[in-house]
């Protein structure tokens, strides 16, 4: 048996403020789920030690730019092929 004095618990803000702060820190890769659970005196969960980052953020490197441009070109080609008449469609 042990006693734990958590002074941070006394200084905690409202639940909604903590949840918002934790959500931002988790989605930006600053905290792990189990780190947040430890701060809230909750038991760890399986898979809670995985770092998460937003998928819409990526480094601007030549490889990523080329991949993005290739996918954009493919989409534009598909749209052009849908709008242009096929062979034999130009009947007068």
Protein backbone atom coordinates (compact mmCIF):
# COMPACT_ATOMS: atom_id res chain seq x y z
CA UNK A 1 0.00 0.00 0.00
CA UNK A 2 1.29 3.45 -0.82
CA UNK A 3 0.22 7.06 -0.85
CA UNK A 4 0.61 9.37 -3.79
CA UNK A 5 0.47 13.14 -3.65
CA UNK A 6 -0.16 14.58 -7.08
CA UNK A 7 0.14 18.34 -6.90
CA UNK A 8 -0.58 18.57 -10.63
CA UNK A 9 -3.99 17.07 -9.87
CA UNK A 10 -4.76 20.00 -7.63
CA UNK A 11 -3.75 22.47 -10.34
CA UNK A 12 -5.62 20.77 -13.19
CA UNK A 13 -7.87 22.85 -15.35
CA UNK A 14 -11.38 21.85 -16.34
CA UNK A 15 -11.95 18.46 -17.95
CA UNK A 16 -12.80 20.00 -21.33
CA UNK A 17 -9.59 22.07 -21.28
CA UNK A 18 -7.46 19.03 -20.47
CA UNK A 19 -9.17 16.91 -23.13
CA UNK A 20 -8.60 19.58 -25.79
CA UNK A 21 -4.95 19.97 -24.80
CA UNK A 22 -4.38 16.21 -24.77
CA UNK A 23 -6.10 15.77 -28.14
CA UNK A 24 -3.87 18.39 -29.73
CA UNK A 25 -0.75 16.86 -28.21
CA UNK A 26 -1.70 13.34 -29.32
CA UNK A 27 -2.54 14.34 -32.90
CA UNK A 28 0.71 16.29 -33.21
CA UNK A 29 2.82 13.40 -31.93
CA UNK A 30 3.83 15.17 -28.72
CA UNK A 31 2.27 12.63 -26.34
CA UNK A 32 1.35 8.96 -26.51
CA UNK A 33 -2.05 7.67 -25.41
CA UNK A 34 -0.51 5.84 -22.47
CA UNK A 35 1.37 8.98 -21.40
CA UNK A 36 -1.92 10.82 -21.18
CA UNK A 37 -3.46 7.92 -19.28
CA UNK A 38 -0.55 8.00 -16.82
CA UNK A 39 -1.07 11.73 -16.28
CA UNK A 40 -4.73 11.03 -15.53
CA UNK A 41 -3.88 8.07 -13.22
CA UNK A 42 -5.47 5.56 -15.59
CA UNK A 43 -4.05 2.13 -16.49
CA UNK A 44 -2.23 1.76 -19.83
CA UNK A 45 -4.02 0.23 -22.81
CA UNK A 46 -2.58 -2.20 -25.38
CA UNK A 47 -1.28 -0.30 -28.39
CA UNK A 48 -1.21 2.96 -26.47
CA UNK A 49 2.50 3.50 -27.04
CA UNK A 50 2.13 4.31 -30.75
CA UNK A 51 2.87 7.82 -31.98
CA UNK A 52 0.19 9.47 -34.10
CA UNK A 53 0.65 12.35 -36.55
CA UNK A 54 -1.80 13.97 -38.91
CA UNK A 55 -1.79 12.35 -42.31
CA UNK A 56 -2.42 15.59 -44.19
CA UNK A 57 0.98 16.93 -43.12
CA UNK A 58 4.01 15.76 -45.03
CA UNK A 59 7.49 17.13 -45.54
CA UNK A 60 8.03 19.11 -48.70
CA UNK A 61 10.65 17.01 -50.42
CA UNK A 62 11.22 16.45 -54.13
CA UNK A 63 9.94 12.87 -53.79
CA UNK A 64 6.66 13.98 -52.18
CA UNK A 65 6.16 16.79 -54.70
CA UNK A 66 6.74 14.41 -57.62
CA UNK A 67 4.33 11.86 -56.14
CA UNK A 68 1.67 14.54 -55.62
CA UNK A 69 2.13 15.94 -59.12
CA UNK A 70 1.95 12.45 -60.66
CA UNK A 71 -1.31 11.72 -58.87
CA UNK A 72 -2.73 15.12 -59.88
CA UNK A 73 -1.74 14.51 -63.51
CA UNK A 74 -3.44 11.10 -63.46
CA UNK A 75 -6.65 12.66 -62.16
CA UNK A 76 -6.54 15.40 -64.81
CA UNK A 77 -5.98 12.81 -67.56
CA UNK A 78 -8.97 10.81 -66.32
CA UNK A 79 -11.17 13.92 -66.39
CA UNK A 80 -10.01 14.84 -69.89
CA UNK A 81 -10.77 11.32 -71.13
CA UNK A 82 -14.28 11.49 -69.68
CA UNK A 83 -15.04 14.83 -71.36
CA UNK A 84 -13.48 14.14 -74.78
CA UNK A 85 -15.49 12.19 -77.36
CA UNK A 86 -14.31 8.69 -78.18
CA UNK A 87 -13.49 7.38 -81.65
CA UNK A 88 -16.61 7.30 -83.79
CA UNK A 89 -18.52 9.63 -81.46
CA UNK A 90 -18.15 12.62 -83.80
CA UNK A 91 -21.06 11.74 -86.08
CA UNK A 92 -22.37 14.57 -88.19
